[in-house]
Every structure is written in structure tokens, then in C-alpha cells.
Amino acid sequence: MKILIVNPNSTASMTAKIGAVAAEVAAPGTVVNAVNPPDSPASIECHTEEALCVPGLLRCIQEGEAQGCDAYVIACFGDPGLEAAREQARGPVIGIAEAAMHAASLLAPSFSVVTTLARTTGMAWHLAERYGMQRFCRNVRAADVPVLDLEDPRKNARVLIRDECLRALREDGCESIVLGCAGMTDLCRWLSEEIGAPVIDGVAVAVKFAESLAALGLKTSKLGPWAAPPVKPSCGLAGPKGPAFDALVGE
């Protein structure tokens, strides 16, 4: 089985970290490949950067289709381009926010999201509503840590995130924490031990969800909204990109 993980930002060190965590949780025989588009923003912390990352993300999905990948993970908590990626791919495409919130709802009566910057909290609330998770989500909190600071060991990002997780348990009355950034993936086990509550990392959970769905032979429905996009000469992203994509769009 081949799973492609797409980090939609262009920070290669974060992609490597995401890939390492994914490889740790993948089952024997599952090949995990983590990639990022080279021309996307270095981090995704606003609506504009989220929009700018989508074309590169979709190119990665198309390349994965040409390589015969079985499933995909979008490793950004905003789940950017998720619906479009599902149009492009035959196999399952899992967003880490959707995966993490659903997993948290199975592990605890409620959760709070701890994310990076305050300006992104509204985006996380929107996703909770979209995924039907509002009744489980007690709060969305920001540790006020820029995404790229997660890659700098000289910063005290992990301490700030831990302290915000502890405040969430104390002030929100939640029983679990959802990490609101793919760049926090390597902190998950440490945080869970530090705070004494389940901490859910969407990268690891999404890999296992994708792996399970692919192992069951399930694919993305091509009826209705997630049907393959029509081929139009004005849209390079929707155009044929090799035999696998040709088969997908019925060429």
C-alpha cells in the first residue's frame, strides 16, 4: 500500500518531521511518502496562504495518482483543498483536522483545539461546525506560536503549547486535546504524558484512517460533488496528467 502525505506548505523540515511520524505509525508493508509543493507559502496561517497553497497541493495529488498511490493525507489543520483533492483522487483523501476531531470524539466526551496563532482560531471553529463536531468542541485556543517557530529548537514553542493544553483542561473542562497544526505532530506523545490526558495528532490519526479505508478496498465516490472535474483547456489543474488521471476522468 502506498500513502502520499502532502504538506501544503513549502517548509521541507516540517515535511520530513511529518513523514517520520507517519512512518512510525504505518503498518508493515505500508509505504509512506511525504512531499510538499516547492512554490507554496512557507507556512499557512491565514485564508490567503491557504488559498495560495491549493494549486501546488493538487499537483501533488495528481502526481500521486500517476504513481498509483492508494490513499492521501493533507497535512495541514485547515484541511485546505480537501474537497478538490477528493475530486482528483480515486483513493481516500483524509484531512488531519477532520480525522483528529472525529478521533477525539471517540476517546473523550469533549475536546479543545490548541493551535498556533489566534487569527486561525475562527478557521478551526468553522471546520468543527462543518464536520459536525461543535457539540464535542469546548474551545479553540491559540498558544500564540508562529508555525515556523515550531521548527526552531531555540524557541520555547513546546512549553507554550503544553501550558495552553493545561489551561484548556482546567478552564474549558475538556477531557482531551486536539493539536491544531501538523507541525506539532512530534509533540503528541510528550504532551499526553505531560498533561495526563489524550492528545490527538491529526497526522498520525489520518494515516491510520487512510490506511484502514484503503485496506478495505474503499475508494472516493465519483457520484455527485466528488466526481472527477471536467477537462477544460483553460484549467491546467483539471487537465489530463498521465494514464492514471486519464482513467480517472474517463478519457
C-alpha atoms as a PDB file:
ATOM      1  CA  MET A   1       0.000   0.000   0.000  1.00  0.00           C
ATOM      2  CA  LYS A   2       1.232   3.491  -0.880  1.00  0.00           C
ATOM      3  CA  ILE A   3       0.092   6.543   1.085  1.00  0.00           C
ATOM      4  CA  LEU A   4       1.080  10.022  -0.041  1.00  0.00           C
ATOM      5  CA  ILE A   5       1.165  12.721   2.613  1.00  0.00           C
ATOM      6  CA  VAL A   6       1.059  16.262   1.274  1.00  0.00           C
ATOM      7  CA  ASN A   7       2.302  19.071   3.500  1.00  0.00           C
ATOM      8  CA  PRO A   8       0.769  22.036   1.641  1.00  0.00           C
ATOM      9  CA  ASN A   9       3.433  24.485   2.819  1.00  0.00           C
ATOM     10  CA  SER A  10       6.944  24.577   1.382  1.00  0.00           C
ATOM     11  CA  THR A  11       8.952  24.033   4.590  1.00  0.00           C
ATOM     12  CA  ALA A  12      10.915  20.848   3.886  1.00  0.00           C
ATOM     13  CA  SER A  13      11.998  20.308   7.516  1.00  0.00           C
ATOM     14  CA  MET A  14       8.342  20.174   8.572  1.00  0.00           C
ATOM     15  CA  THR A  15       7.589  17.737   5.760  1.00  0.00           C
ATOM     16  CA  ALA A  16      10.411  15.478   6.949  1.00  0.00           C
ATOM     17  CA  LYS A  17       9.091  15.571  10.522  1.00  0.00           C
ATOM     18  CA  ILE A  18       5.564  14.751   9.339  1.00  0.00           C
ATOM     19  CA  GLY A  19       6.892  11.876   7.246  1.00  0.00           C
ATOM     20  CA  ALA A  20       8.869  10.452  10.163  1.00  0.00           C
ATOM     21  CA  VAL A  21       5.830  10.389  12.454  1.00  0.00           C
ATOM     22  CA  ALA A  22       3.698   8.868   9.700  1.00  0.00           C
ATOM     23  CA  ALA A  23       6.273   6.126   9.091  1.00  0.00           C
ATOM     24  CA  GLU A  24       6.298   5.270  12.803  1.00  0.00           C
ATOM     25  CA  VAL A  25       2.564   4.576  12.910  1.00  0.00           C
ATOM     26  CA  ALA A  26       2.174   2.951   9.488  1.00  0.00           C
ATOM     27  CA  ALA A  27       1.670  -0.786   9.359  1.00  0.00           C
ATOM     28  CA  PRO A  28       4.358  -3.100   7.952  1.00  0.00           C
ATOM     29  CA  GLY A  29       4.069  -3.123   4.194  1.00  0.00           C
ATOM     30  CA  THR A  30       2.677   0.413   4.004  1.00  0.00           C
ATOM     31  CA  VAL A  31       4.949   2.780   2.107  1.00  0.00           C
ATOM     32  CA  VAL A  32       4.564   6.371   3.274  1.00  0.00           C
ATOM     33  CA  ASN A  33       5.904   9.241   1.213  1.00  0.00           C
ATOM     34  CA  ALA A  34       5.711  12.833   2.473  1.00  0.00           C
ATOM     35  CA  VAL A  35       6.023  15.675  -0.033  1.00  0.00           C
ATOM     36  CA  ASN A  36       5.420  19.405  -0.265  1.00  0.00           C
ATOM     37  CA  PRO A  37       4.959  21.736  -3.223  1.00  0.00           C
ATOM     38  CA  PRO A  38       8.068  23.906  -3.606  1.00  0.00           C
ATOM     39  CA  ASP A  39       6.153  27.032  -4.577  1.00  0.00           C
ATOM     40  CA  SER A  40       3.660  27.265  -1.690  1.00  0.00           C
ATOM     41  CA  PRO A  41       3.890  29.672   1.276  1.00  0.00           C
ATOM     42  CA  ALA A  42       6.446  28.670   3.908  1.00  0.00           C
ATOM     43  CA  SER A  43       3.620  28.349   6.436  1.00  0.00           C
ATOM     44  CA  ILE A  44      -0.150  28.586   6.270  1.00  0.00           C
ATOM     45  CA  GLU A  45      -1.548  30.986   8.839  1.00  0.00           C
ATOM     46  CA  CYS A  46      -4.350  32.862   7.060  1.00  0.00           C
ATOM     47  CA  HIS A  47      -7.005  32.496   4.378  1.00  0.00           C
ATOM     48  CA  THR A  48      -4.761  33.952   1.663  1.00  0.00           C
ATOM     49  CA  GLU A  49      -1.941  31.493   2.328  1.00  0.00           C
ATOM     50  CA  GLU A  50      -4.451  28.674   2.463  1.00  0.00           C
ATOM     51  CA  ALA A  51      -5.756  29.635  -0.988  1.00  0.00           C
ATOM     52  CA  LEU A  52      -2.248  30.007  -2.415  1.00  0.00           C
ATOM     53  CA  CYS A  53      -1.215  26.511  -1.311  1.00  0.00           C
ATOM     54  CA  VAL A  54      -4.038  24.680  -3.087  1.00  0.00           C
ATOM     55  CA  PRO A  55      -2.682  24.596  -6.686  1.00  0.00           C
ATOM     56  CA  GLY A  56       0.593  23.030  -5.524  1.00  0.00           C
ATOM     57  CA  LEU A  57      -1.269  20.596  -3.293  1.00  0.00           C
ATOM     58  CA  LEU A  58      -3.438  19.449  -6.214  1.00  0.00           C
ATOM     59  CA  ARG A  59      -0.366  18.948  -8.387  1.00  0.00           C
ATOM     60  CA  CYS A  60       1.000  16.643  -5.686  1.00  0.00           C
ATOM     61  CA  ILE A  61      -2.269  14.695  -5.678  1.00  0.00           C
ATOM     62  CA  GLN A  62      -2.142  14.339  -9.461  1.00  0.00           C
ATOM     63  CA  GLU A  63       1.442  13.105  -9.276  1.00  0.00           C
ATOM     64  CA  GLY A  64       0.353  10.593  -6.652  1.00  0.00           C
ATOM     65  CA  GLU A  65      -2.377   9.348  -8.967  1.00  0.00           C
ATOM     66  CA  ALA A  66       0.176   8.871 -11.744  1.00  0.00           C
ATOM     67  CA  GLN A  67       2.354   6.902  -9.297  1.00  0.00           C
ATOM     68  CA  GLY A  68      -0.523   4.651  -8.223  1.00  0.00           C
ATOM     69  CA  CYS A  69      -0.930   5.848  -4.649  1.00  0.00           C
ATOM     70  CA  ASP A  70      -3.734   4.173  -2.706  1.00  0.00           C
ATOM     71  CA  ALA A  71      -4.621   6.972  -0.288  1.00  0.00           C
ATOM     72  CA  TYR A  72      -3.683  10.524   0.672  1.00  0.00           C
ATOM     73  CA  VAL A  73      -3.319  12.704   3.756  1.00  0.00           C
ATOM     74  CA  ILE A  74      -3.446  16.507   3.662  1.00  0.00           C
ATOM     75  CA  ALA A  75      -1.144  17.527   6.499  1.00  0.00           C
ATOM     76  CA  CYS A  76      -2.407  20.991   7.372  1.00  0.00           C
ATOM     77  CA  PHE A  77      -5.001  21.625  10.063  1.00  0.00           C
ATOM     78  CA  GLY A  78      -7.040  23.901   7.825  1.00  0.00           C
ATOM     79  CA  ASP A  79      -7.671  20.900   5.543  1.00  0.00           C
ATOM     80  CA  PRO A  80      -7.032  23.145   2.515  1.00  0.00           C
ATOM     81  CA  GLY A  81      -8.177  21.879  -0.855  1.00  0.00           C
ATOM     82  CA  LEU A  82      -9.743  18.768   0.684  1.00  0.00           C
ATOM     83  CA  GLU A  83     -12.862  18.715  -1.490  1.00  0.00           C
ATOM     84  CA  ALA A  84     -10.846  19.421  -4.654  1.00  0.00           C
ATOM     85  CA  ALA A  85      -8.320  16.722  -3.765  1.00  0.00           C
ATOM     86  CA  ARG A  86     -11.169  14.248  -3.397  1.00  0.00           C
ATOM     87  CA  GLU A  87     -12.277  15.151  -6.906  1.00  0.00           C
ATOM     88  CA  GLN A  88      -8.779  14.412  -8.175  1.00  0.00           C
ATOM     89  CA  ALA A  89      -8.085  11.156  -6.324  1.00  0.00           C
ATOM     90  CA  ARG A  90      -9.507   7.689  -6.701  1.00  0.00           C
ATOM     91  CA  GLY A  91      -8.473   6.548  -3.222  1.00  0.00           C
ATOM     92  CA  PRO A  92      -9.414   8.083   0.144  1.00  0.00           C
ATOM     93  CA  VAL A  93      -8.176  11.602   0.939  1.00  0.00           C
ATOM     94  CA  ILE A  94      -8.069  12.444   4.652  1.00  0.00           C
ATOM     95  CA  GLY A  95      -7.651  15.899   6.151  1.00  0.00           C
ATOM     96  CA  ILE A  96      -5.902  15.976   9.519  1.00  0.00           C
ATOM     97  CA  ALA A  97      -8.422  18.291  11.203  1.00  0.00           C
ATOM     98  CA  GLU A  98     -11.366  16.114  10.199  1.00  0.00           C
ATOM     99  CA  ALA A  99      -9.518  12.973  11.297  1.00  0.00           C
ATOM    100  CA  ALA A 100      -8.352  14.414  14.623  1.00  0.00           C
ATOM    101  CA  MET A 101     -11.756  15.774  15.623  1.00  0.00           C
ATOM    102  CA  HIS A 102     -13.522  12.510  14.851  1.00  0.00           C
ATOM    103  CA  ALA A 103     -10.875  10.511  16.713  1.00  0.00           C
ATOM    104  CA  ALA A 104     -11.132  12.811  19.734  1.00  0.00           C
ATOM    105  CA  SER A 105     -14.908  12.315  19.844  1.00  0.00           C
ATOM    106  CA  LEU A 106     -14.289   8.558  20.178  1.00  0.00           C
ATOM    107  CA  LEU A 107     -11.784   8.963  23.006  1.00  0.00           C
ATOM    108  CA  ALA A 108     -13.401  11.570  25.248  1.00  0.00           C
ATOM    109  CA  PRO A 109     -16.723  13.336  25.776  1.00  0.00           C
ATOM    110  CA  SER A 110     -15.177  16.616  24.642  1.00  0.00           C
ATOM    111  CA  PHE A 111     -12.014  18.219  23.323  1.00  0.00           C
ATOM    112  CA  SER A 112     -10.398  21.611  22.925  1.00  0.00           C
ATOM    113  CA  VAL A 113      -8.196  22.508  19.974  1.00  0.00           C
ATOM    114  CA  VAL A 114      -4.814  24.056  20.743  1.00  0.00           C
ATOM    115  CA  THR A 115      -3.447  25.778  17.678  1.00  0.00           C
ATOM    116  CA  THR A 116      -0.740  28.273  16.762  1.00  0.00           C
ATOM    117  CA  LEU A 117      -1.896  31.860  16.188  1.00  0.00           C
ATOM    118  CA  ALA A 118      -5.102  33.498  17.413  1.00  0.00           C
ATOM    119  CA  ARG A 119      -6.056  34.599  13.891  1.00  0.00           C
ATOM    120  CA  THR A 120      -6.547  30.937  12.904  1.00  0.00           C
ATOM    121  CA  THR A 121      -8.989  30.046  15.690  1.00  0.00           C
ATOM    122  CA  GLY A 122     -12.008  31.095  13.630  1.00  0.00           C
ATOM    123  CA  MET A 123     -10.895  28.772  10.839  1.00  0.00           C
ATOM    124  CA  ALA A 124     -10.787  25.865  13.287  1.00  0.00           C
ATOM    125  CA  TRP A 125     -14.253  26.707  14.627  1.00  0.00           C
ATOM    126  CA  HIS A 126     -15.542  26.730  11.048  1.00  0.00           C
ATOM    127  CA  LEU A 127     -14.146  23.235  10.490  1.00  0.00           C
ATOM    128  CA  ALA A 128     -15.695  21.954  13.725  1.00  0.00           C
ATOM    129  CA  GLU A 129     -19.079  23.189  12.529  1.00  0.00           C
ATOM    130  CA  ARG A 130     -18.575  21.787   9.035  1.00  0.00           C
ATOM    131  CA  TYR A 131     -17.646  18.348  10.375  1.00  0.00           C
ATOM    132  CA  GLY A 132     -20.495  18.228  12.913  1.00  0.00           C
ATOM    133  CA  MET A 133     -18.037  18.409  15.791  1.00  0.00           C
ATOM    134  CA  GLN A 134     -19.269  21.573  17.526  1.00  0.00           C
ATOM    135  CA  ARG A 135     -21.061  19.608  20.246  1.00  0.00           C
ATOM    136  CA  PHE A 136     -17.748  17.967  21.200  1.00  0.00           C
ATOM    137  CA  CYS A 137     -15.505  21.028  20.827  1.00  0.00           C
ATOM    138  CA  ARG A 138     -15.320  23.054  24.030  1.00  0.00           C
ATOM    139  CA  ASN A 139     -12.921  25.696  22.776  1.00  0.00           C
ATOM    140  CA  VAL A 140     -10.268  26.628  20.216  1.00  0.00           C
ATOM    141  CA  ARG A 141      -7.190  28.118  21.835  1.00  0.00           C
ATOM    142  CA  ALA A 142      -4.046  29.708  20.468  1.00  0.00           C
ATOM    143  CA  ALA A 143      -0.625  29.270  22.032  1.00  0.00           C
ATOM    144  CA  ASP A 144       0.492  32.343  20.046  1.00  0.00           C
ATOM    145  CA  VAL A 145       3.302  30.369  18.441  1.00  0.00           C
ATOM    146  CA  PRO A 146       4.050  31.115  14.765  1.00  0.00           C
ATOM    147  CA  VAL A 147       4.140  27.928  12.717  1.00  0.00           C
ATOM    148  CA  LEU A 148       7.786  28.336  11.724  1.00  0.00           C
ATOM    149  CA  ASP A 149       8.792  28.666  15.390  1.00  0.00           C
ATOM    150  CA  LEU A 150       7.856  25.003  15.719  1.00  0.00           C
ATOM    151  CA  GLU A 151      10.882  24.274  13.523  1.00  0.00           C
ATOM    152  CA  ASP A 152      13.282  26.353  15.633  1.00  0.00           C
ATOM    153  CA  PRO A 153      14.630  24.468  18.684  1.00  0.00           C
ATOM    154  CA  ARG A 154      15.781  27.778  20.186  1.00  0.00           C
ATOM    155  CA  LYS A 155      12.168  28.834  20.691  1.00  0.00           C
ATOM    156  CA  ASN A 156      10.129  27.655  23.668  1.00  0.00           C
ATOM    157  CA  ALA A 157       7.208  26.586  21.499  1.00  0.00           C
ATOM    158  CA  ARG A 158       6.680  23.205  23.157  1.00  0.00           C
ATOM    159  CA  VAL A 159       6.425  24.798  26.605  1.00  0.00           C
ATOM    160  CA  LEU A 160       3.918  27.391  25.410  1.00  0.00           C
ATOM    161  CA  ILE A 161       1.829  24.681  23.776  1.00  0.00           C
ATOM    162  CA  ARG A 162       1.962  22.479  26.878  1.00  0.00           C
ATOM    163  CA  ASP A 163       0.872  25.357  29.101  1.00  0.00           C
ATOM    164  CA  GLU A 164      -2.048  26.146  26.790  1.00  0.00           C
ATOM    165  CA  CYS A 165      -3.100  22.493  26.839  1.00  0.00           C
ATOM    166  CA  LEU A 166      -3.105  22.542  30.644  1.00  0.00           C
ATOM    167  CA  ARG A 167      -5.184  25.731  30.664  1.00  0.00           C
ATOM    168  CA  ALA A 168      -7.643  24.096  28.288  1.00  0.00           C
ATOM    169  CA  LEU A 169      -8.157  21.134  30.623  1.00  0.00           C
ATOM    170  CA  ARG A 170      -8.548  23.422  33.617  1.00  0.00           C
ATOM    171  CA  GLU A 171     -10.629  26.256  32.153  1.00  0.00           C
ATOM    172  CA  ASP A 172     -12.631  24.560  29.370  1.00  0.00           C
ATOM    173  CA  GLY A 173     -13.450  21.402  31.278  1.00  0.00           C
ATOM    174  CA  CYS A 174     -12.449  19.265  28.289  1.00  0.00           C
ATOM    175  CA  GLU A 175     -11.090  15.741  28.589  1.00  0.00           C
ATOM    176  CA  SER A 176      -8.808  15.673  25.541  1.00  0.00           C
ATOM    177  CA  ILE A 177      -6.760  17.961  23.303  1.00  0.00           C
ATOM    178  CA  VAL A 178      -6.636  18.159  19.519  1.00  0.00           C
ATOM    179  CA  LEU A 179      -3.394  19.631  18.194  1.00  0.00           C
ATOM    180  CA  GLY A 180      -4.228  22.330  15.667  1.00  0.00           C
ATOM    181  CA  CYS A 181      -1.140  22.191  13.456  1.00  0.00           C
ATOM    182  CA  ALA A 182       0.671  19.446  11.547  1.00  0.00           C
ATOM    183  CA  GLY A 183       3.950  20.953  12.755  1.00  0.00           C
ATOM    184  CA  MET A 184       3.065  19.859  16.304  1.00  0.00           C
ATOM    185  CA  THR A 185       2.981  16.181  15.318  1.00  0.00           C
ATOM    186  CA  ASP A 186       6.221  15.263  17.094  1.00  0.00           C
ATOM    187  CA  LEU A 187       4.959  16.727  20.400  1.00  0.00           C
ATOM    188  CA  CYS A 188       1.918  14.489  20.733  1.00  0.00           C
ATOM    189  CA  ARG A 189       3.232  11.707  22.985  1.00  0.00           C
ATOM    190  CA  TRP A 190       5.241  14.075  25.160  1.00  0.00           C
ATOM    191  CA  LEU A 191       2.257  16.365  25.645  1.00  0.00           C
ATOM    192  CA  SER A 192      -0.045  13.494  26.553  1.00  0.00           C
ATOM    193  CA  GLU A 193       2.379  12.394  29.268  1.00  0.00           C
ATOM    194  CA  GLU A 194       2.843  15.955  30.488  1.00  0.00           C
ATOM    195  CA  ILE A 195      -0.850  16.799  30.836  1.00  0.00           C
ATOM    196  CA  GLY A 196      -2.280  13.379  31.722  1.00  0.00           C
ATOM    197  CA  ALA A 197      -4.978  13.403  29.037  1.00  0.00           C
ATOM    198  CA  PRO A 198      -5.335  12.141  25.461  1.00  0.00           C
ATOM    199  CA  VAL A 199      -3.622  14.412  22.933  1.00  0.00           C
ATOM    200  CA  ILE A 200      -4.671  13.731  19.366  1.00  0.00           C
ATOM    201  CA  ASP A 201      -2.311  14.427  16.477  1.00  0.00           C
ATOM    202  CA  GLY A 202      -4.166  14.555  13.181  1.00  0.00           C
ATOM    203  CA  VAL A 203      -1.189  13.383  11.128  1.00  0.00           C
ATOM    204  CA  ALA A 204      -0.904  10.008  12.856  1.00  0.00           C
ATOM    205  CA  VAL A 205      -4.674   9.515  13.027  1.00  0.00           C
ATOM    206  CA  ALA A 206      -5.178  10.459   9.369  1.00  0.00           C
ATOM    207  CA  VAL A 207      -2.514   7.968   8.274  1.00  0.00           C
ATOM    208  CA  LYS A 208      -4.294   5.154  10.117  1.00  0.00           C
ATOM    209  CA  PHE A 209      -7.708   6.214   8.786  1.00  0.00           C
ATOM    210  CA  ALA A 210      -6.354   6.354   5.228  1.00  0.00           C
ATOM    211  CA  GLU A 211      -4.593   3.036   5.654  1.00  0.00           C
ATOM    212  CA  SER A 212      -7.724   1.342   7.022  1.00  0.00           C
ATOM    213  CA  LEU A 213     -10.016   2.621   4.278  1.00  0.00           C
ATOM    214  CA  ALA A 214      -7.559   1.618   1.567  1.00  0.00           C
ATOM    215  CA  ALA A 215      -7.097  -1.832   3.127  1.00  0.00           C
ATOM    216  CA  LEU A 216     -10.854  -2.310   2.926  1.00  0.00           C
ATOM    217  CA  GLY A 217     -10.693  -1.554  -0.789  1.00  0.00           C
ATOM    218  CA  LEU A 218     -12.788   1.593  -0.383  1.00  0.00           C
ATOM    219  CA  LYS A 219     -12.399   4.484  -2.789  1.00  0.00           C
ATOM    220  CA  THR A 220     -13.717   8.011  -3.059  1.00  0.00           C
ATOM    221  CA  SER A 221     -17.207   8.159  -4.569  1.00  0.00           C
ATOM    222  CA  LYS A 222     -17.283   9.638  -8.049  1.00  0.00           C
ATOM    223  CA  LEU A 223     -21.010  10.301  -7.909  1.00  0.00           C
ATOM    224  CA  GLY A 224     -22.055  13.893  -7.275  1.00  0.00           C
ATOM    225  CA  PRO A 225     -19.777  16.575  -5.808  1.00  0.00           C
ATOM    226  CA  TRP A 226     -16.582  14.471  -5.762  1.00  0.00           C
ATOM    227  CA  ALA A 227     -16.839  13.334  -9.360  1.00  0.00           C
ATOM    228  CA  ALA A 228     -13.698  13.956 -11.397  1.00  0.00           C
ATOM    229  CA  PRO A 229     -13.527  17.571 -12.610  1.00  0.00           C
ATOM    230  CA  PRO A 230     -14.429  18.261 -16.234  1.00  0.00           C
ATOM    231  CA  VAL A 231     -11.492  18.647 -18.599  1.00  0.00           C
ATOM    232  CA  LYS A 232     -11.276  22.225 -19.836  1.00  0.00           C
ATOM    233  CA  PRO A 233      -8.456  23.764 -21.882  1.00  0.00           C
ATOM    234  CA  SER A 234      -8.359  26.833 -19.646  1.00  0.00           C
ATOM    235  CA  CYS A 235      -7.608  24.884 -16.459  1.00  0.00           C
ATOM    236  CA  GLY A 236      -4.282  23.105 -16.315  1.00  0.00           C
ATOM    237  CA  LEU A 237      -5.001  21.542 -12.936  1.00  0.00           C
ATOM    238  CA  ALA A 238      -8.084  19.751 -14.235  1.00  0.00           C
ATOM    239  CA  GLY A 239      -6.413  18.609 -17.451  1.00  0.00           C
ATOM    240  CA  PRO A 240      -5.095  15.083 -18.023  1.00  0.00           C
ATOM    241  CA  LYS A 241      -1.821  14.308 -16.256  1.00  0.00           C
ATOM    242  CA  GLY A 242      -0.933  10.830 -17.453  1.00  0.00           C
ATOM    243  CA  PRO A 243      -2.620   7.423 -17.757  1.00  0.00           C
ATOM    244  CA  ALA A 244      -3.928   7.250 -14.192  1.00  0.00           C
ATOM    245  CA  PHE A 245      -5.571  10.668 -14.392  1.00  0.00           C
ATOM    246  CA  ASP A 246      -6.884   9.919 -17.876  1.00  0.00           C
ATOM    247  CA  ALA A 247      -8.630   6.857 -16.467  1.00  0.00           C
ATOM    248  CA  LEU A 248     -10.000   8.891 -13.575  1.00  0.00           C
ATOM    249  CA  VAL A 249     -11.706  11.449 -15.804  1.00  0.00           C
ATOM    250  CA  GLY A 250     -12.814   8.849 -18.340  1.00  0.00           C
ATOM    251  CA  GLU A 251     -10.597   9.907 -21.223  1.00  0.00           C
END
